[in-house]
Structure formats: structure tokens, C-alpha cells
Amino acid sequence: MHTVYAAADPIEAEILRSYLAEHGIVVQIFGAGIWGGRGDLPVDAWPRLVLDDASQLDDARELLRRYEHRRHAQASWPCSCGERSPIHFEICWACGSERPPA
């Protein structure tokens, strides 16, 4: 068994389990049951995607890399100047314009 991803929460773990399954890669989710105890328990409480078949490791990592790229690429907003700023910026990093309302 190989841990291929530590998800942000149980929902993301389920989304990624389905995403990988669509590509013929079966993973199990470990640790989702103790998610509610994070902070109170002295354990790593992040849900983990665990791969049974080691021959699919490279394919799983590539699919997860694509997921991460899309996730981070969309975490920005477009400015009227043509640049994109990270979603947590209130003003454009390039021209200083305020972020438009959502």
C-alpha cells in the first residue's frame, strides 16, 4: 500500500477517490473517520488516499499533479489590466486596482 495524497478534508478525499476511479485507479481513504478529532488527538488526522496496486503509482501521481495544477491555477482573479492575482489579494499585484466584487 502506498499513500499517494493527503487530502485537505474528507470531502476532497472522496472527490479525488472518484476522480482516480474514473481513470481506473482504485484507492482507499484512510483517516477520514478521525477528521473530527484533529487538534484534540495527537495523531495525523488528514484523510489519506492509499493505493493498493503499486503498478499504478506513477499514473496516480500524474493525475493528482494535474488536479493540484488546476486547483491552484483557478485560485486567482482576473484584473482589468490583464494580469491575474491570487484569490487572497484584495488589490492587483501589477497595477494596484481593487478586486472586482464576486
Protein backbone atom coordinates (compact mmCIF):
# COMPACT_ATOMS: atom_id res chain seq x y z
CA MET A 1 0.00 0.00 0.00
CA HIS A 2 1.24 3.45 -0.94
CA THR A 3 -0.06 6.76 0.35
CA VAL A 4 -0.39 8.96 -2.73
CA TYR A 5 -2.14 12.01 -1.31
CA ALA A 6 -3.07 13.70 1.96
CA ALA A 7 -6.40 15.45 1.36
CA ALA A 8 -7.44 18.72 2.95
CA ASP A 9 -10.63 17.15 4.32
CA PRO A 10 -12.87 14.09 3.86
CA ILE A 11 -14.84 15.76 1.07
CA GLU A 12 -11.73 16.39 -1.01
CA ALA A 13 -10.65 12.80 -0.34
CA GLU A 14 -13.94 11.49 -1.76
CA ILE A 15 -13.73 13.78 -4.78
CA LEU A 16 -10.22 12.53 -5.52
CA ARG A 17 -11.18 8.91 -4.94
CA SER A 18 -13.88 9.30 -7.59
CA TYR A 19 -11.54 11.20 -9.92
CA LEU A 20 -8.95 8.43 -9.77
CA ALA A 21 -11.62 5.72 -10.12
CA GLU A 22 -12.80 7.36 -13.35
CA HIS A 23 -9.29 6.70 -14.66
CA GLY A 24 -9.24 3.09 -13.48
CA ILE A 25 -7.20 3.68 -10.34
CA VAL A 26 -8.63 2.31 -7.10
CA VAL A 27 -7.65 3.95 -3.83
CA GLN A 28 -8.86 3.61 -0.27
CA ILE A 29 -9.35 6.51 2.11
CA PHE A 30 -7.69 6.15 5.49
CA GLY A 31 -8.10 8.59 8.35
CA ALA A 32 -11.38 10.23 7.35
CA GLY A 33 -13.06 8.86 10.47
CA ILE A 34 -10.76 10.75 12.83
CA TRP A 35 -11.10 14.06 10.99
CA GLY A 36 -13.32 15.46 13.74
CA GLY A 37 -10.64 14.79 16.33
CA ARG A 38 -7.92 16.88 14.72
CA GLY A 39 -6.43 19.26 17.22
CA ASP A 40 -7.59 17.13 20.15
CA LEU A 41 -5.83 13.89 19.24
CA PRO A 42 -2.05 13.57 18.99
CA VAL A 43 -2.27 11.96 15.53
CA ASP A 44 -2.06 12.89 11.88
CA ALA A 45 -5.76 13.36 11.13
CA TRP A 46 -5.55 14.18 7.43
CA PRO A 47 -7.53 11.80 5.20
CA ARG A 48 -5.07 9.87 3.04
CA LEU A 49 -5.57 8.24 -0.34
CA VAL A 50 -3.89 4.85 -0.28
CA LEU A 51 -3.16 2.90 -3.45
CA ASP A 52 -3.27 -0.90 -3.41
CA ASP A 53 -1.62 -1.54 -6.78
CA ALA A 54 1.95 -0.22 -6.88
CA SER A 55 2.00 -0.51 -10.68
CA GLN A 56 -0.47 2.42 -10.83
CA LEU A 57 1.63 4.71 -8.63
CA ASP A 58 3.06 6.85 -11.45
CA ASP A 59 -0.34 7.22 -13.13
CA ALA A 60 -1.98 8.20 -9.84
CA ARG A 61 0.71 10.77 -9.09
CA GLU A 62 0.36 12.30 -12.57
CA LEU A 63 -3.43 12.60 -12.21
CA LEU A 64 -3.03 14.16 -8.76
CA ARG A 65 -0.41 16.56 -10.12
CA ARG A 66 -2.93 17.68 -12.77
CA TYR A 67 -5.59 18.12 -10.09
CA GLU A 68 -3.25 20.27 -7.98
CA HIS A 69 -2.30 22.37 -11.00
CA ARG A 70 -5.95 23.05 -11.88
CA ARG A 71 -6.82 23.73 -8.25
CA HIS A 72 -4.08 26.33 -7.85
CA ALA A 73 -4.49 27.82 -11.33
CA GLN A 74 -8.09 28.72 -10.53
CA ALA A 75 -7.26 30.29 -7.18
CA SER A 76 -6.86 33.72 -8.74
CA TRP A 77 -8.93 36.57 -10.09
CA PRO A 78 -8.50 38.46 -13.37
CA CYS A 79 -7.76 42.17 -13.26
CA SER A 80 -8.82 44.67 -15.93
CA CYS A 81 -5.10 45.24 -16.65
CA GLY A 82 -4.88 41.66 -17.93
CA GLU A 83 -2.95 40.16 -15.04
CA ARG A 84 -4.19 37.54 -12.57
CA SER A 85 -3.77 37.96 -8.81
CA PRO A 86 -4.03 35.29 -6.11
CA ILE A 87 -7.53 34.99 -4.70
CA HIS A 88 -6.44 36.23 -1.27
CA PHE A 89 -5.15 39.54 -2.71
CA GLU A 90 -7.57 42.45 -2.35
CA ILE A 91 -5.69 44.53 -4.94
CA CYS A 92 -3.96 43.59 -8.18
CA TRP A 93 -0.29 42.84 -7.69
CA ALA A 94 0.56 44.51 -11.02
CA CYS A 95 -1.46 47.76 -11.15
CA GLY A 96 -2.97 48.20 -7.68
CA SER A 97 -6.62 48.11 -8.81
CA GLU A 98 -9.14 46.76 -6.33
CA ARG A 99 -10.52 43.26 -6.86
CA PRO A 100 -13.93 43.41 -8.52
CA PRO A 101 -16.90 42.16 -6.48
CA ALA A 102 -17.64 38.46 -6.85
